[in-house]
Amino acid sequence: MNGPNELIYSKNVVEFVAVANEFCELVENSARYQTPQLLDITRKLLPLLYFKASLLPETESILDEELEKYVSELDYNVLQQKWLQKLGEHDLYHEVIDPDLQFGSENVTASISEHILDIYQDVKEFVSSYNFGNEEVMHDAIVECTLHFREFWGQRLVNVLRALHLLVFSDIDWSSPDLSNYKPDDEDAGPSKWVDRFFSHDSE
C-alpha cells in the first residue's frame, strides 16, 4: 500500500478507530450503566482516546468538498440529557483552564455532560466518515479529526477528566443499593478490561 491507502490503514489510525468506536458506544449506551460504573469506565477510556489521537499522522486534505455531518443537534441533545440524568447535580464543575479567562479572577463553570458530548460529536463524525468505506473520505476524516483534536476536543477531554477523577474517588452516595460493593477498579467494569488490554499491548 502507498499514498492515502498506507495512511488510512496504518497501525496508529486503526488503533485510534478501535478506541473511538469504544468511546462512542459508551456515550450512546450510558443508560446501561449505573453512574459510578459509567464514570469509572469513562475516566479510564478518555486518556487512551487522547493518547491514540495524539499519534494520528499529519496529512492534508485531498477532497475539495466538506465531509458529510452525521451527528444532528437532536442526537447531541438526547445523549446529553441521558448523561445529565446520570450525573444530576454533579454535572457542573469549576473549569481550571479557559483560554479566554485563565488570567481573570472569576470562576468558570462547565458541564461534564456537555464536554463529553462535545468530544463525542467530533469523534463520532470521524468514525462515521471512516466507516463509510470511501478511502478519500477516510483520509480527510483523519485530517479533520486531528485538527479538531488539537484545536477543540483535546482540551475538552483533559478538562473533563479532572472532574471525572474527583467524582470517581469521592464519597458521593449515588443512591444505588446494588452498587454498595462497587469499587473504582472493579474487575467487572465492562470495557475497562478492554482498556487494560490496550495498555498492555502498548507496553510490549
C-alpha atoms as a PDB file:
ATOM      1  CA  MET A   1       0.000   0.000   0.000  1.00  0.00           C
ATOM      2  CA  ASN A   2       1.147   3.517  -0.675  1.00  0.00           C
ATOM      3  CA  GLY A   3      -0.252   7.053  -0.629  1.00  0.00           C
ATOM      4  CA  PRO A   4      -3.588   7.585   1.171  1.00  0.00           C
ATOM      5  CA  ASN A   5      -4.128   3.828   1.461  1.00  0.00           C
ATOM      6  CA  GLU A   6      -0.982   3.372   3.504  1.00  0.00           C
ATOM      7  CA  LEU A   7      -2.026   6.162   5.873  1.00  0.00           C
ATOM      8  CA  ILE A   8      -5.666   5.248   6.465  1.00  0.00           C
ATOM      9  CA  TYR A   9      -4.832   1.618   7.291  1.00  0.00           C
ATOM     10  CA  SER A  10      -1.733   2.388   9.349  1.00  0.00           C
ATOM     11  CA  LYS A  11      -1.378   0.936  12.840  1.00  0.00           C
ATOM     12  CA  ASN A  12      -1.920   4.250  14.639  1.00  0.00           C
ATOM     13  CA  VAL A  13      -5.062   5.052  12.668  1.00  0.00           C
ATOM     14  CA  VAL A  14      -6.594   1.599  13.069  1.00  0.00           C
ATOM     15  CA  GLU A  15      -5.938   1.635  16.813  1.00  0.00           C
ATOM     16  CA  PHE A  16      -7.488   5.102  17.141  1.00  0.00           C
ATOM     17  CA  VAL A  17     -10.554   3.864  15.257  1.00  0.00           C
ATOM     18  CA  ALA A  18     -10.908   0.997  17.743  1.00  0.00           C
ATOM     19  CA  VAL A  19     -10.726   3.315  20.761  1.00  0.00           C
ATOM     20  CA  ALA A  20     -13.004   5.879  19.109  1.00  0.00           C
ATOM     21  CA  ASN A  21     -15.630   3.224  18.420  1.00  0.00           C
ATOM     22  CA  GLU A  22     -15.465   2.065  22.017  1.00  0.00           C
ATOM     23  CA  PHE A  23     -15.895   5.610  23.303  1.00  0.00           C
ATOM     24  CA  CYS A  24     -18.859   6.306  21.026  1.00  0.00           C
ATOM     25  CA  GLU A  25     -20.576   3.102  22.091  1.00  0.00           C
ATOM     26  CA  LEU A  26     -20.103   4.036  25.724  1.00  0.00           C
ATOM     27  CA  VAL A  27     -21.586   7.503  25.231  1.00  0.00           C
ATOM     28  CA  GLU A  28     -24.530   6.131  23.260  1.00  0.00           C
ATOM     29  CA  ASN A  29     -25.277   3.397  25.794  1.00  0.00           C
ATOM     30  CA  SER A  30     -24.856   5.294  29.057  1.00  0.00           C
ATOM     31  CA  ALA A  31     -28.261   4.073  30.258  1.00  0.00           C
ATOM     32  CA  ARG A  32     -26.892   0.517  30.530  1.00  0.00           C
ATOM     33  CA  TYR A  33     -24.574   1.509  33.376  1.00  0.00           C
ATOM     34  CA  GLN A  34     -25.014   2.636  36.924  1.00  0.00           C
ATOM     35  CA  THR A  35     -23.475   6.065  37.426  1.00  0.00           C
ATOM     36  CA  PRO A  36     -20.313   5.023  39.345  1.00  0.00           C
ATOM     37  CA  GLN A  37     -19.506   2.381  36.753  1.00  0.00           C
ATOM     38  CA  LEU A  38     -20.166   4.766  33.852  1.00  0.00           C
ATOM     39  CA  LEU A  39     -17.879   7.410  35.336  1.00  0.00           C
ATOM     40  CA  ASP A  40     -15.114   4.933  36.104  1.00  0.00           C
ATOM     41  CA  ILE A  41     -15.099   3.437  32.607  1.00  0.00           C
ATOM     42  CA  THR A  42     -15.135   6.907  31.076  1.00  0.00           C
ATOM     43  CA  ARG A  43     -12.202   8.191  33.143  1.00  0.00           C
ATOM     44  CA  LYS A  44     -10.191   5.125  32.066  1.00  0.00           C
ATOM     45  CA  LEU A  45     -11.117   5.390  28.401  1.00  0.00           C
ATOM     46  CA  LEU A  46     -10.541   9.125  27.903  1.00  0.00           C
ATOM     47  CA  PRO A  47      -6.741   9.081  28.478  1.00  0.00           C
ATOM     48  CA  LEU A  48      -6.440   6.253  25.959  1.00  0.00           C
ATOM     49  CA  LEU A  49      -8.525   8.220  23.457  1.00  0.00           C
ATOM     50  CA  TYR A  50      -6.256  11.238  23.957  1.00  0.00           C
ATOM     51  CA  PHE A  51      -3.109   9.145  23.577  1.00  0.00           C
ATOM     52  CA  LYS A  52      -4.251   7.441  20.388  1.00  0.00           C
ATOM     53  CA  ALA A  53      -5.469  10.741  18.883  1.00  0.00           C
ATOM     54  CA  SER A  54      -2.071  12.296  19.550  1.00  0.00           C
ATOM     55  CA  LEU A  55      -0.481   9.586  17.381  1.00  0.00           C
ATOM     56  CA  LEU A  56      -2.622  10.230  14.306  1.00  0.00           C
ATOM     57  CA  PRO A  57      -0.453  11.051  11.278  1.00  0.00           C
ATOM     58  CA  GLU A  58      -0.176  14.579   9.912  1.00  0.00           C
ATOM     59  CA  THR A  59      -1.524  14.970   6.407  1.00  0.00           C
ATOM     60  CA  GLU A  60      -3.507  17.347   4.212  1.00  0.00           C
ATOM     61  CA  SER A  61      -6.995  17.156   2.736  1.00  0.00           C
ATOM     62  CA  ILE A  62      -7.421  15.703  -0.722  1.00  0.00           C
ATOM     63  CA  LEU A  63     -11.120  16.482  -1.272  1.00  0.00           C
ATOM     64  CA  ASP A  64     -12.473  19.884  -2.235  1.00  0.00           C
ATOM     65  CA  GLU A  65     -15.840  19.463  -0.537  1.00  0.00           C
ATOM     66  CA  GLU A  66     -16.521  19.268   3.195  1.00  0.00           C
ATOM     67  CA  LEU A  67     -17.270  15.925   4.797  1.00  0.00           C
ATOM     68  CA  GLU A  68     -20.852  14.974   5.498  1.00  0.00           C
ATOM     69  CA  LYS A  69     -22.056  15.523   9.071  1.00  0.00           C
ATOM     70  CA  TYR A  70     -23.764  12.692  10.903  1.00  0.00           C
ATOM     71  CA  VAL A  71     -24.448  13.948  14.434  1.00  0.00           C
ATOM     72  CA  SER A  72     -27.557  16.140  14.476  1.00  0.00           C
ATOM     73  CA  GLU A  73     -28.438  18.667  17.144  1.00  0.00           C
ATOM     74  CA  LEU A  74     -31.211  16.305  18.259  1.00  0.00           C
ATOM     75  CA  ASP A  75     -28.753  13.410  18.594  1.00  0.00           C
ATOM     76  CA  TYR A  76     -26.468  15.601  20.683  1.00  0.00           C
ATOM     77  CA  ASN A  77     -29.244  16.854  22.959  1.00  0.00           C
ATOM     78  CA  VAL A  78     -30.800  13.432  23.535  1.00  0.00           C
ATOM     79  CA  LEU A  79     -27.490  11.861  24.526  1.00  0.00           C
ATOM     80  CA  GLN A  80     -26.515  14.810  26.704  1.00  0.00           C
ATOM     81  CA  GLN A  81     -29.801  14.548  28.599  1.00  0.00           C
ATOM     82  CA  LYS A  82     -29.110  10.871  29.308  1.00  0.00           C
ATOM     83  CA  TRP A  83     -25.729  11.770  30.786  1.00  0.00           C
ATOM     84  CA  LEU A  84     -27.249  14.657  32.696  1.00  0.00           C
ATOM     85  CA  GLN A  85     -29.775  12.277  34.259  1.00  0.00           C
ATOM     86  CA  LYS A  86     -26.895  10.083  35.409  1.00  0.00           C
ATOM     87  CA  LEU A  87     -24.938  12.959  36.927  1.00  0.00           C
ATOM     88  CA  GLY A  88     -27.697  15.151  38.334  1.00  0.00           C
ATOM     89  CA  GLU A  89     -26.345  17.971  40.481  1.00  0.00           C
ATOM     90  CA  HIS A  90     -22.806  16.674  39.970  1.00  0.00           C
ATOM     91  CA  ASP A  91     -22.794  17.586  36.281  1.00  0.00           C
ATOM     92  CA  LEU A  92     -21.349  21.071  36.856  1.00  0.00           C
ATOM     93  CA  TYR A  93     -17.754  21.684  37.839  1.00  0.00           C
ATOM     94  CA  HIS A  94     -15.356  24.628  38.022  1.00  0.00           C
ATOM     95  CA  GLU A  95     -13.182  24.880  34.967  1.00  0.00           C
ATOM     96  CA  VAL A  96      -9.444  25.322  35.517  1.00  0.00           C
ATOM     97  CA  ILE A  97      -8.243  26.287  32.054  1.00  0.00           C
ATOM     98  CA  ASP A  98     -10.203  28.563  29.771  1.00  0.00           C
ATOM     99  CA  PRO A  99      -8.023  30.262  27.124  1.00  0.00           C
ATOM    100  CA  ASP A 100     -10.144  33.409  27.303  1.00  0.00           C
ATOM    101  CA  LEU A 101     -10.438  33.690  31.084  1.00  0.00           C
ATOM    102  CA  GLN A 102      -7.436  31.919  32.583  1.00  0.00           C
ATOM    103  CA  PHE A 103      -5.896  35.195  33.748  1.00  0.00           C
ATOM    104  CA  GLY A 104      -9.114  36.522  35.288  1.00  0.00           C
ATOM    105  CA  SER A 105     -10.417  36.130  38.803  1.00  0.00           C
ATOM    106  CA  GLU A 106     -13.899  34.806  38.057  1.00  0.00           C
ATOM    107  CA  ASN A 107     -14.873  31.141  38.209  1.00  0.00           C
ATOM    108  CA  VAL A 108     -15.819  29.365  35.013  1.00  0.00           C
ATOM    109  CA  THR A 109     -18.498  26.701  35.367  1.00  0.00           C
ATOM    110  CA  ALA A 110     -18.521  23.818  32.909  1.00  0.00           C
ATOM    111  CA  SER A 111     -20.754  20.805  32.319  1.00  0.00           C
ATOM    112  CA  ILE A 112     -19.424  17.244  32.296  1.00  0.00           C
ATOM    113  CA  SER A 113     -22.253  16.016  30.084  1.00  0.00           C
ATOM    114  CA  GLU A 114     -21.737  18.860  27.616  1.00  0.00           C
ATOM    115  CA  HIS A 115     -17.998  18.276  27.400  1.00  0.00           C
ATOM    116  CA  ILE A 116     -18.461  14.524  26.966  1.00  0.00           C
ATOM    117  CA  LEU A 117     -20.872  15.184  24.095  1.00  0.00           C
ATOM    118  CA  ASP A 118     -18.557  17.784  22.549  1.00  0.00           C
ATOM    119  CA  ILE A 119     -15.849  15.124  22.418  1.00  0.00           C
ATOM    120  CA  TYR A 120     -18.345  12.557  21.180  1.00  0.00           C
ATOM    121  CA  GLN A 121     -19.574  14.771  18.361  1.00  0.00           C
ATOM    122  CA  ASP A 122     -16.143  15.150  16.760  1.00  0.00           C
ATOM    123  CA  VAL A 123     -15.138  11.540  17.380  1.00  0.00           C
ATOM    124  CA  LYS A 124     -18.445  10.194  16.054  1.00  0.00           C
ATOM    125  CA  GLU A 125     -18.147  12.326  12.916  1.00  0.00           C
ATOM    126  CA  PHE A 126     -14.729  10.761  12.350  1.00  0.00           C
ATOM    127  CA  VAL A 127     -15.920   7.203  12.994  1.00  0.00           C
ATOM    128  CA  SER A 128     -18.936   7.619  10.703  1.00  0.00           C
ATOM    129  CA  SER A 129     -16.837   9.042   7.853  1.00  0.00           C
ATOM    130  CA  TYR A 130     -14.096   6.441   8.314  1.00  0.00           C
ATOM    131  CA  ASN A 131     -16.583   3.572   8.356  1.00  0.00           C
ATOM    132  CA  PHE A 132     -18.179   4.894   5.151  1.00  0.00           C
ATOM    133  CA  GLY A 133     -15.525   2.977   3.228  1.00  0.00           C
ATOM    134  CA  ASN A 134     -14.525   5.613   0.672  1.00  0.00           C
ATOM    135  CA  GLU A 135     -10.761   5.921   1.035  1.00  0.00           C
ATOM    136  CA  GLU A 136     -10.622   9.610   0.132  1.00  0.00           C
ATOM    137  CA  VAL A 137     -13.323  10.342   2.716  1.00  0.00           C
ATOM    138  CA  MET A 138     -11.499   8.187   5.261  1.00  0.00           C
ATOM    139  CA  HIS A 139      -8.307  10.129   4.595  1.00  0.00           C
ATOM    140  CA  ASP A 140      -9.950  13.534   5.047  1.00  0.00           C
ATOM    141  CA  ALA A 141     -11.752  12.297   8.161  1.00  0.00           C
ATOM    142  CA  ILE A 142      -8.322  11.785   9.730  1.00  0.00           C
ATOM    143  CA  VAL A 143      -7.295  15.310   8.730  1.00  0.00           C
ATOM    144  CA  GLU A 144     -10.433  16.837  10.215  1.00  0.00           C
ATOM    145  CA  CYS A 145     -10.349  14.788  13.410  1.00  0.00           C
ATOM    146  CA  THR A 146      -6.693  15.626  14.037  1.00  0.00           C
ATOM    147  CA  LEU A 147      -7.326  19.334  13.514  1.00  0.00           C
ATOM    148  CA  HIS A 148     -10.338  19.367  15.841  1.00  0.00           C
ATOM    149  CA  PHE A 149      -8.421  17.368  18.440  1.00  0.00           C
ATOM    150  CA  ARG A 150      -5.675  19.986  18.546  1.00  0.00           C
ATOM    151  CA  GLU A 151      -7.992  22.979  18.472  1.00  0.00           C
ATOM    152  CA  PHE A 152     -11.008  21.841  20.473  1.00  0.00           C
ATOM    153  CA  TRP A 153     -11.860  18.429  21.831  1.00  0.00           C
ATOM    154  CA  GLY A 154      -8.399  17.529  23.138  1.00  0.00           C
ATOM    155  CA  GLN A 155      -8.664  20.411  25.623  1.00  0.00           C
ATOM    156  CA  ARG A 156     -12.244  19.431  26.448  1.00  0.00           C
ATOM    157  CA  LEU A 157     -11.001  15.931  27.224  1.00  0.00           C
ATOM    158  CA  VAL A 158      -8.227  16.889  29.643  1.00  0.00           C
ATOM    159  CA  ASN A 159     -10.519  19.347  31.414  1.00  0.00           C
ATOM    160  CA  VAL A 160     -13.408  16.942  31.978  1.00  0.00           C
ATOM    161  CA  LEU A 161     -11.040  14.156  33.018  1.00  0.00           C
ATOM    162  CA  ARG A 162     -10.154  16.109  36.147  1.00  0.00           C
ATOM    163  CA  ALA A 163     -13.830  16.381  37.084  1.00  0.00           C
ATOM    164  CA  LEU A 164     -14.411  12.678  36.463  1.00  0.00           C
ATOM    165  CA  HIS A 165     -11.419  11.753  38.605  1.00  0.00           C
ATOM    166  CA  LEU A 166     -12.819  13.774  41.508  1.00  0.00           C
ATOM    167  CA  LEU A 167     -16.255  12.162  41.190  1.00  0.00           C
ATOM    168  CA  VAL A 168     -14.931   8.602  40.926  1.00  0.00           C
ATOM    169  CA  PHE A 169     -12.825   8.940  44.064  1.00  0.00           C
ATOM    170  CA  SER A 170     -15.358  10.935  46.073  1.00  0.00           C
ATOM    171  CA  ASP A 171     -17.730   9.589  48.725  1.00  0.00           C
ATOM    172  CA  ILE A 172     -20.868  10.587  46.824  1.00  0.00           C
ATOM    173  CA  ASP A 173     -23.925   8.476  47.589  1.00  0.00           C
ATOM    174  CA  TRP A 174     -25.394   7.695  44.190  1.00  0.00           C
ATOM    175  CA  SER A 175     -28.413   6.037  45.902  1.00  0.00           C
ATOM    176  CA  SER A 176     -27.901   2.704  44.176  1.00  0.00           C
ATOM    177  CA  PRO A 177     -28.220  -0.165  46.688  1.00  0.00           C
ATOM    178  CA  ASP A 178     -26.953  -2.730  44.190  1.00  0.00           C
ATOM    179  CA  LEU A 179     -23.692  -0.770  43.895  1.00  0.00           C
ATOM    180  CA  SER A 180     -22.787  -0.915  47.580  1.00  0.00           C
ATOM    181  CA  ASN A 181     -19.816  -3.175  46.802  1.00  0.00           C
ATOM    182  CA  TYR A 182     -18.658  -1.309  43.675  1.00  0.00           C
ATOM    183  CA  LYS A 183     -15.070  -0.083  43.664  1.00  0.00           C
ATOM    184  CA  PRO A 184     -13.348   2.114  41.029  1.00  0.00           C
ATOM    185  CA  ASP A 185     -11.062  -0.717  39.962  1.00  0.00           C
ATOM    186  CA  ASP A 186     -13.776  -3.374  39.949  1.00  0.00           C
ATOM    187  CA  GLU A 187     -12.730  -6.120  37.506  1.00  0.00           C
ATOM    188  CA  ASP A 188     -16.302  -6.301  36.227  1.00  0.00           C
ATOM    189  CA  ALA A 189     -16.273  -2.726  34.948  1.00  0.00           C
ATOM    190  CA  GLY A 190     -17.161  -3.762  31.415  1.00  0.00           C
ATOM    191  CA  PRO A 191     -14.973  -2.080  28.787  1.00  0.00           C
ATOM    192  CA  SER A 192     -12.292  -1.306  31.381  1.00  0.00           C
ATOM    193  CA  LYS A 193     -10.988  -4.836  30.686  1.00  0.00           C
ATOM    194  CA  TRP A 194     -10.633  -3.812  27.064  1.00  0.00           C
ATOM    195  CA  VAL A 195      -8.801  -0.628  28.124  1.00  0.00           C
ATOM    196  CA  ASP A 196      -6.375  -2.636  30.275  1.00  0.00           C
ATOM    197  CA  ARG A 197      -5.693  -4.932  27.332  1.00  0.00           C
ATOM    198  CA  PHE A 198      -4.883  -1.960  25.116  1.00  0.00           C
ATOM    199  CA  PHE A 199      -2.403  -0.556  27.629  1.00  0.00           C
ATOM    200  CA  SER A 200      -0.787  -3.978  27.970  1.00  0.00           C
ATOM    201  CA  HIS A 201      -0.394  -4.098  24.197  1.00  0.00           C
ATOM    202  CA  ASP A 202       1.352  -0.707  24.180  1.00  0.00           C
ATOM    203  CA  SER A 203       3.827  -1.754  26.861  1.00  0.00           C
ATOM    204  CA  GLU A 204       5.108  -4.754  24.908  1.00  0.00           C
END
